[in-house]
Amino acid sequence: MEEALIGINALLCEIESIVRERVLPRYAISDWRTYRQKRSSQIKKTIRILMPTIRDASISVRPSLGRGRKPSLDLEQKLIILLVQQLMGMSNRGMSYMLTLFSSISGIHLGYKSIERLRNDGQVYLALLKMRDMLLG
């Protein structure tokens, strides 16, 4: 499982560099007061642009029908959370706090451990591989 964790982190970094190169616009930071606002706006636009790719990647991976509690997130939501976290450079706890703030809008209630577990999810790994291939191809 340790190899998968390293693989998923490297894969997220690779996807981030592809997205930064091809999707995110480059701009000079002249006003640090509005930097966070501009950055969040860019991330929002980027996710909107990537939504068809995220959907296609999540559809291509079949969910495993295992025992236990039904996951609270679908694969598409998991991918979005990981991508936003990677692009914003946030920690698991920081991402959890952000989701808590917007839980009434998003309907997602997760702790930082749940976000940490996304990196160990085999379906997420396969969907990220598919997404990287789609972005490169």
N, C-alpha and C. Protein backbone atom coordinates (compact mmCIF):
# COMPACT_ATOMS: atom_id res chain seq x y z
N MET A 1 0.82 -1.19 0.00
CA MET A 1 0.00 0.00 0.00
C MET A 1 0.87 1.25 0.00
N GLU A 2 2.06 1.16 0.57
CA GLU A 2 2.97 2.30 0.60
C GLU A 2 3.36 2.74 -0.81
N GLU A 3 3.55 1.77 -1.71
CA GLU A 3 3.89 2.10 -3.10
C GLU A 3 2.76 2.85 -3.78
N ALA A 4 1.52 2.47 -3.49
CA ALA A 4 0.37 3.15 -4.09
C ALA A 4 0.29 4.59 -3.60
N LEU A 5 0.63 4.82 -2.33
CA LEU A 5 0.60 6.17 -1.78
C LEU A 5 1.63 7.05 -2.48
N ILE A 6 2.82 6.53 -2.66
CA ILE A 6 3.86 7.28 -3.37
C ILE A 6 3.42 7.51 -4.80
N GLY A 7 2.85 6.50 -5.41
CA GLY A 7 2.39 6.62 -6.79
C GLY A 7 1.30 7.66 -6.95
N ILE A 8 0.38 7.72 -6.02
CA ILE A 8 -0.72 8.67 -6.14
C ILE A 8 -0.22 10.10 -5.93
N ASN A 9 0.72 10.30 -5.02
CA ASN A 9 1.27 11.64 -4.81
C ASN A 9 2.04 12.10 -6.05
N ALA A 10 2.83 11.20 -6.62
CA ALA A 10 3.57 11.55 -7.84
C ALA A 10 2.62 11.81 -8.99
N LEU A 11 1.56 11.02 -9.06
CA LEU A 11 0.55 11.19 -10.11
C LEU A 11 -0.16 12.54 -9.97
N LEU A 12 -0.52 12.91 -8.75
CA LEU A 12 -1.15 14.22 -8.51
C LEU A 12 -0.22 15.37 -8.88
N CYS A 13 1.06 15.22 -8.56
CA CYS A 13 2.04 16.26 -8.93
C CYS A 13 2.17 16.37 -10.45
N GLU A 14 2.15 15.22 -11.12
CA GLU A 14 2.24 15.22 -12.58
C GLU A 14 1.02 15.87 -13.21
N ILE A 15 -0.16 15.53 -12.71
CA ILE A 15 -1.40 16.14 -13.22
C ILE A 15 -1.39 17.64 -12.94
N GLU A 16 -0.91 18.02 -11.76
CA GLU A 16 -0.83 19.45 -11.43
C GLU A 16 0.07 20.19 -12.42
N SER A 17 1.21 19.61 -12.76
CA SER A 17 2.11 20.29 -13.70
C SER A 17 1.50 20.37 -15.10
N ILE A 18 0.77 19.34 -15.51
CA ILE A 18 0.09 19.37 -16.82
C ILE A 18 -0.98 20.46 -16.81
N VAL A 19 -1.77 20.53 -15.74
CA VAL A 19 -2.84 21.52 -15.64
C VAL A 19 -2.26 22.93 -15.59
N ARG A 20 -1.20 23.12 -14.82
CA ARG A 20 -0.58 24.45 -14.74
C ARG A 20 -0.01 24.87 -16.09
N GLU A 21 0.51 23.93 -16.82
CA GLU A 21 1.11 24.23 -18.12
C GLU A 21 0.06 24.51 -19.19
N ARG A 22 -1.03 23.74 -19.18
CA ARG A 22 -2.00 23.81 -20.28
C ARG A 22 -3.28 24.56 -19.97
N VAL A 23 -3.69 24.62 -18.71
CA VAL A 23 -5.01 25.16 -18.39
C VAL A 23 -4.93 26.45 -17.59
N LEU A 24 -4.18 26.45 -16.51
CA LEU A 24 -4.12 27.63 -15.65
C LEU A 24 -3.38 28.76 -16.34
N PRO A 25 -3.99 29.93 -16.42
CA PRO A 25 -3.29 31.06 -17.04
C PRO A 25 -2.18 31.57 -16.14
N ARG A 26 -1.14 32.06 -16.75
CA ARG A 26 -0.03 32.65 -15.99
C ARG A 26 -0.26 34.15 -15.89
N TYR A 27 0.02 34.69 -14.75
CA TYR A 27 -0.10 36.13 -14.59
C TYR A 27 0.92 36.59 -13.55
N ALA A 28 1.27 37.82 -13.65
CA ALA A 28 2.21 38.41 -12.70
C ALA A 28 1.43 38.86 -11.47
N ILE A 29 1.97 38.56 -10.32
CA ILE A 29 1.31 38.94 -9.08
C ILE A 29 1.77 40.34 -8.72
N SER A 30 0.90 41.30 -8.95
CA SER A 30 1.26 42.68 -8.65
C SER A 30 0.62 43.14 -7.34
N ASP A 31 -0.50 42.57 -7.00
CA ASP A 31 -1.21 42.97 -5.78
C ASP A 31 -1.42 41.74 -4.90
N TRP A 32 -0.65 41.65 -3.84
CA TRP A 32 -0.73 40.48 -2.96
C TRP A 32 -2.03 40.43 -2.18
N ARG A 33 -2.72 41.55 -2.06
CA ARG A 33 -3.98 41.55 -1.32
C ARG A 33 -5.05 40.75 -2.06
N THR A 34 -5.02 40.82 -3.36
CA THR A 34 -6.03 40.10 -4.15
C THR A 34 -5.52 38.77 -4.69
N TYR A 35 -4.32 38.38 -4.28
CA TYR A 35 -3.73 37.13 -4.80
C TYR A 35 -4.60 35.92 -4.52
N ARG A 36 -5.04 35.75 -3.27
CA ARG A 36 -5.88 34.59 -2.91
C ARG A 36 -7.19 34.59 -3.69
N GLN A 37 -7.77 35.76 -3.85
CA GLN A 37 -9.03 35.87 -4.58
C GLN A 37 -8.83 35.46 -6.04
N LYS A 38 -7.78 35.95 -6.67
CA LYS A 38 -7.50 35.59 -8.06
C LYS A 38 -7.19 34.11 -8.18
N ARG A 39 -6.43 33.61 -7.22
CA ARG A 39 -6.04 32.20 -7.23
C ARG A 39 -7.25 31.29 -7.11
N SER A 40 -8.15 31.59 -6.20
CA SER A 40 -9.35 30.76 -6.04
C SER A 40 -10.25 30.85 -7.27
N SER A 41 -10.31 32.02 -7.88
CA SER A 41 -11.08 32.17 -9.11
C SER A 41 -10.48 31.33 -10.23
N GLN A 42 -9.17 31.30 -10.31
CA GLN A 42 -8.50 30.49 -11.32
C GLN A 42 -8.76 29.00 -11.11
N ILE A 43 -8.69 28.56 -9.86
CA ILE A 43 -8.93 27.15 -9.54
C ILE A 43 -10.36 26.77 -9.92
N LYS A 44 -11.30 27.65 -9.63
CA LYS A 44 -12.71 27.42 -9.96
C LYS A 44 -12.88 27.26 -11.47
N LYS A 45 -12.26 28.16 -12.25
CA LYS A 45 -12.34 28.06 -13.71
C LYS A 45 -11.66 26.80 -14.22
N THR A 46 -10.55 26.44 -13.61
CA THR A 46 -9.80 25.25 -14.02
C THR A 46 -10.62 23.99 -13.80
N ILE A 47 -11.26 23.88 -12.64
CA ILE A 47 -12.09 22.71 -12.36
C ILE A 47 -13.26 22.66 -13.33
N ARG A 48 -13.84 23.82 -13.65
CA ARG A 48 -14.93 23.87 -14.62
C ARG A 48 -14.46 23.36 -15.99
N ILE A 49 -13.25 23.76 -16.39
CA ILE A 49 -12.70 23.30 -17.67
C ILE A 49 -12.40 21.81 -17.63
N LEU A 50 -11.94 21.32 -16.48
CA LEU A 50 -11.56 19.91 -16.35
C LEU A 50 -12.74 18.98 -16.07
N MET A 51 -13.92 19.51 -15.81
CA MET A 51 -15.07 18.66 -15.46
C MET A 51 -15.36 17.56 -16.47
N PRO A 52 -15.35 17.82 -17.78
CA PRO A 52 -15.59 16.71 -18.71
C PRO A 52 -14.53 15.61 -18.59
N THR A 53 -13.28 15.99 -18.38
CA THR A 53 -12.22 15.01 -18.21
C THR A 53 -12.40 14.24 -16.91
N ILE A 54 -12.76 14.94 -15.85
CA ILE A 54 -13.00 14.28 -14.56
C ILE A 54 -14.15 13.30 -14.67
N ARG A 55 -15.24 13.71 -15.34
CA ARG A 55 -16.39 12.81 -15.53
C ARG A 55 -16.01 11.58 -16.32
N ASP A 56 -15.32 11.77 -17.43
CA ASP A 56 -14.91 10.63 -18.27
C ASP A 56 -13.99 9.68 -17.51
N ALA A 57 -13.06 10.24 -16.74
CA ALA A 57 -12.14 9.40 -15.97
C ALA A 57 -12.87 8.64 -14.87
N SER A 58 -13.85 9.28 -14.23
CA SER A 58 -14.56 8.60 -13.14
C SER A 58 -15.55 7.57 -13.68
N ILE A 59 -16.11 7.81 -14.86
CA ILE A 59 -17.03 6.84 -15.46
C ILE A 59 -16.28 5.59 -15.91
N SER A 60 -15.03 5.77 -16.33
CA SER A 60 -14.27 4.64 -16.87
C SER A 60 -13.85 3.64 -15.79
N VAL A 61 -13.90 4.03 -14.53
CA VAL A 61 -13.53 3.14 -13.43
C VAL A 61 -14.80 2.61 -12.78
N ARG A 62 -14.93 1.30 -12.76
CA ARG A 62 -16.12 0.70 -12.16
C ARG A 62 -15.96 0.61 -10.65
N PRO A 63 -17.01 0.98 -9.93
CA PRO A 63 -16.92 0.88 -8.47
C PRO A 63 -16.93 -0.57 -8.01
N SER A 64 -16.18 -0.85 -6.96
CA SER A 64 -16.18 -2.20 -6.42
C SER A 64 -17.39 -2.36 -5.50
N LEU A 65 -18.04 -3.47 -5.64
CA LEU A 65 -19.23 -3.73 -4.82
C LEU A 65 -18.80 -4.56 -3.62
N GLY A 66 -18.30 -3.89 -2.62
CA GLY A 66 -17.82 -4.57 -1.42
C GLY A 66 -18.82 -4.45 -0.30
N ARG A 67 -18.46 -5.06 0.79
CA ARG A 67 -19.30 -4.98 1.98
C ARG A 67 -19.00 -3.71 2.73
N GLY A 68 -19.81 -3.43 3.69
CA GLY A 68 -19.56 -2.28 4.55
C GLY A 68 -20.41 -1.09 4.19
N ARG A 69 -20.05 0.00 4.80
CA ARG A 69 -20.78 1.24 4.64
C ARG A 69 -20.59 1.80 3.24
N LYS A 70 -21.66 2.34 2.70
CA LYS A 70 -21.60 2.96 1.38
C LYS A 70 -20.77 4.24 1.48
N PRO A 71 -19.87 4.47 0.51
CA PRO A 71 -19.05 5.69 0.56
C PRO A 71 -19.91 6.95 0.50
N SER A 72 -19.50 7.97 1.23
CA SER A 72 -20.27 9.22 1.25
C SER A 72 -20.00 10.07 0.01
N LEU A 73 -18.92 9.78 -0.71
CA LEU A 73 -18.57 10.53 -1.92
C LEU A 73 -18.54 9.59 -3.11
N ASP A 74 -18.95 10.10 -4.26
CA ASP A 74 -18.74 9.31 -5.47
C ASP A 74 -17.34 9.61 -5.99
N LEU A 75 -16.91 8.86 -6.99
CA LEU A 75 -15.55 8.98 -7.50
C LEU A 75 -15.27 10.37 -8.07
N GLU A 76 -16.24 10.96 -8.70
CA GLU A 76 -16.08 12.30 -9.27
C GLU A 76 -15.79 13.33 -8.17
N GLN A 77 -16.52 13.25 -7.07
CA GLN A 77 -16.30 14.16 -5.95
C GLN A 77 -14.93 13.96 -5.33
N LYS A 78 -14.51 12.70 -5.23
CA LYS A 78 -13.19 12.40 -4.68
C LYS A 78 -12.09 13.03 -5.53
N LEU A 79 -12.24 12.90 -6.85
CA LEU A 79 -11.24 13.48 -7.74
C LEU A 79 -11.20 15.00 -7.63
N ILE A 80 -12.35 15.61 -7.56
CA ILE A 80 -12.42 17.07 -7.45
C ILE A 80 -11.74 17.53 -6.15
N ILE A 81 -12.02 16.86 -5.05
CA ILE A 81 -11.43 17.23 -3.77
C ILE A 81 -9.91 17.13 -3.83
N LEU A 82 -9.41 16.01 -4.37
CA LEU A 82 -7.95 15.84 -4.45
C LEU A 82 -7.30 16.86 -5.38
N LEU A 83 -7.96 17.16 -6.51
CA LEU A 83 -7.38 18.13 -7.44
C LEU A 83 -7.37 19.54 -6.86
N VAL A 84 -8.45 19.93 -6.22
CA VAL A 84 -8.50 21.26 -5.60
C VAL A 84 -7.45 21.35 -4.50
N GLN A 85 -7.35 20.30 -3.70
CA GLN A 85 -6.36 20.28 -2.63
C GLN A 85 -4.95 20.41 -3.19
N GLN A 86 -4.66 19.70 -4.27
CA GLN A 86 -3.34 19.75 -4.88
C GLN A 86 -3.05 21.12 -5.50
N LEU A 87 -4.01 21.65 -6.23
CA LEU A 87 -3.81 22.93 -6.89
C LEU A 87 -3.71 24.10 -5.91
N MET A 88 -4.43 24.00 -4.80
CA MET A 88 -4.39 25.06 -3.79
C MET A 88 -3.22 24.89 -2.83
N GLY A 89 -2.60 23.72 -2.85
CA GLY A 89 -1.47 23.47 -1.94
C GLY A 89 -1.91 23.39 -0.49
N MET A 90 -3.07 22.79 -0.26
CA MET A 90 -3.63 22.71 1.08
C MET A 90 -3.28 21.38 1.74
N SER A 91 -3.28 21.39 3.06
CA SER A 91 -3.09 20.16 3.82
C SER A 91 -4.44 19.44 3.92
N ASN A 92 -4.40 18.20 4.43
CA ASN A 92 -5.64 17.45 4.61
C ASN A 92 -6.56 18.16 5.60
N ARG A 93 -5.98 18.66 6.67
CA ARG A 93 -6.78 19.36 7.69
C ARG A 93 -7.34 20.67 7.14
N GLY A 94 -6.54 21.40 6.38
CA GLY A 94 -7.00 22.65 5.77
C GLY A 94 -8.13 22.41 4.79
N MET A 95 -8.02 21.34 4.01
CA MET A 95 -9.08 21.00 3.06
C MET A 95 -10.34 20.58 3.81
N SER A 96 -10.17 19.86 4.90
CA SER A 96 -11.32 19.46 5.72
C SER A 96 -12.03 20.68 6.29
N TYR A 97 -11.27 21.66 6.76
CA TYR A 97 -11.88 22.89 7.28
C TYR A 97 -12.64 23.64 6.19
N MET A 98 -12.04 23.69 5.01
CA MET A 98 -12.70 24.37 3.90
C MET A 98 -14.01 23.67 3.53
N LEU A 99 -13.99 22.33 3.49
CA LEU A 99 -15.21 21.59 3.18
C LEU A 99 -16.26 21.78 4.26
N THR A 100 -15.83 21.88 5.51
CA THR A 100 -16.76 22.11 6.61
C THR A 100 -17.45 23.46 6.46
N LEU A 101 -16.67 24.47 6.05
CA LEU A 101 -17.26 25.79 5.85
C LEU A 101 -18.34 25.79 4.77
N PHE A 102 -18.12 25.00 3.74
CA PHE A 102 -19.05 24.98 2.62
C PHE A 102 -19.92 23.73 2.59
N SER A 103 -20.03 23.05 3.71
CA SER A 103 -20.80 21.81 3.75
C SER A 103 -22.29 22.03 3.49
N SER A 104 -22.81 23.17 3.86
CA SER A 104 -24.23 23.42 3.62
C SER A 104 -24.50 23.55 2.12
N ILE A 105 -23.52 24.03 1.37
CA ILE A 105 -23.68 24.16 -0.08
C ILE A 105 -23.37 22.84 -0.79
N SER A 106 -22.26 22.23 -0.40
CA SER A 106 -21.80 21.04 -1.11
C SER A 106 -22.44 19.75 -0.61
N GLY A 107 -22.88 19.73 0.62
CA GLY A 107 -23.45 18.52 1.18
C GLY A 107 -22.40 17.50 1.55
N ILE A 108 -21.13 17.89 1.57
CA ILE A 108 -20.03 16.99 1.88
C ILE A 108 -19.55 17.29 3.29
N HIS A 109 -19.59 16.29 4.15
CA HIS A 109 -19.13 16.42 5.52
C HIS A 109 -18.01 15.42 5.73
N LEU A 110 -16.77 15.88 5.70
CA LEU A 110 -15.62 14.99 5.82
C LEU A 110 -14.63 15.52 6.83
N GLY A 111 -13.98 14.61 7.53
CA GLY A 111 -12.87 14.97 8.39
C GLY A 111 -11.57 14.84 7.62
N TYR A 112 -10.49 15.28 8.23
CA TYR A 112 -9.21 15.24 7.51
C TYR A 112 -8.74 13.82 7.26
N LYS A 113 -9.12 12.88 8.13
CA LYS A 113 -8.74 11.48 7.91
C LYS A 113 -9.41 10.91 6.66
N SER A 114 -10.63 11.33 6.40
CA SER A 114 -11.33 10.88 5.20
C SER A 114 -10.62 11.39 3.95
N ILE A 115 -10.14 12.62 4.01
CA ILE A 115 -9.41 13.18 2.88
C ILE A 115 -8.08 12.47 2.71
N GLU A 116 -7.46 12.13 3.83
CA GLU A 116 -6.20 11.39 3.79
C GLU A 116 -6.41 10.01 3.16
N ARG A 117 -7.53 9.39 3.45
CA ARG A 117 -7.81 8.05 2.92
C ARG A 117 -8.06 8.06 1.41
N LEU A 118 -8.41 9.21 0.86
CA LEU A 118 -8.62 9.29 -0.59
C LEU A 118 -7.35 8.92 -1.34
N ARG A 119 -6.20 9.20 -0.75
CA ARG A 119 -4.93 8.90 -1.38
C ARG A 119 -4.61 7.41 -1.38
N ASN A 120 -5.34 6.62 -0.59
CA ASN A 120 -5.14 5.18 -0.55
C ASN A 120 -6.22 4.42 -1.31
N ASP A 121 -7.11 5.13 -1.96
CA ASP A 121 -8.24 4.53 -2.67
C ASP A 121 -7.78 4.07 -4.06
N GLY A 122 -7.92 2.79 -4.32
CA GLY A 122 -7.51 2.23 -5.61
C GLY A 122 -8.29 2.78 -6.78
N GLN A 123 -9.58 3.03 -6.58
CA GLN A 123 -10.40 3.59 -7.66
C GLN A 123 -9.95 5.00 -8.00
N VAL A 124 -9.60 5.77 -7.00
CA VAL A 124 -9.12 7.13 -7.23
C VAL A 124 -7.82 7.07 -8.03
N TYR A 125 -6.95 6.14 -7.67
CA TYR A 125 -5.67 6.00 -8.38
C TYR A 125 -5.91 5.67 -9.85
N LEU A 126 -6.80 4.71 -10.12
CA LEU A 126 -7.09 4.34 -11.51
C LEU A 126 -7.71 5.51 -12.28
N ALA A 127 -8.61 6.25 -11.64
CA ALA A 127 -9.23 7.39 -12.29
C ALA A 127 -8.21 8.49 -12.57
N LEU A 128 -7.27 8.70 -11.66
CA LEU A 128 -6.22 9.69 -11.88
C LEU A 128 -5.30 9.28 -13.03
N LEU A 129 -5.00 7.98 -13.11
CA LEU A 129 -4.20 7.48 -14.25
C LEU A 129 -4.92 7.76 -15.56
N LYS A 130 -6.20 7.45 -15.57
CA LYS A 130 -7.01 7.69 -16.79
C LYS A 130 -7.06 9.18 -17.12
N MET A 131 -7.21 10.00 -16.10
CA MET A 131 -7.28 11.45 -16.31
C MET A 131 -5.95 11.98 -16.86
N ARG A 132 -4.83 11.50 -16.31
CA ARG A 132 -3.53 11.93 -16.81
C ARG A 132 -3.36 11.55 -18.28
N ASP A 133 -3.76 10.32 -18.62
CA ASP A 133 -3.66 9.89 -20.02
C ASP A 133 -4.53 10.74 -20.93
N MET A 134 -5.73 11.11 -20.45
CA MET A 134 -6.62 11.95 -21.25
C MET A 134 -6.02 13.36 -21.42
N LEU A 135 -5.40 13.89 -20.39
CA LEU A 135 -4.79 15.23 -20.48
C LEU A 135 -3.58 15.24 -21.39
N LEU A 136 -2.83 14.15 -21.39
CA LEU A 136 -1.65 14.06 -22.24
C LEU A 136 -2.00 13.76 -23.69
N GLY A 137 -3.09 13.01 -23.88
CA GLY A 137 -3.48 12.58 -25.22
C GLY A 137 -4.28 13.55 -25.92
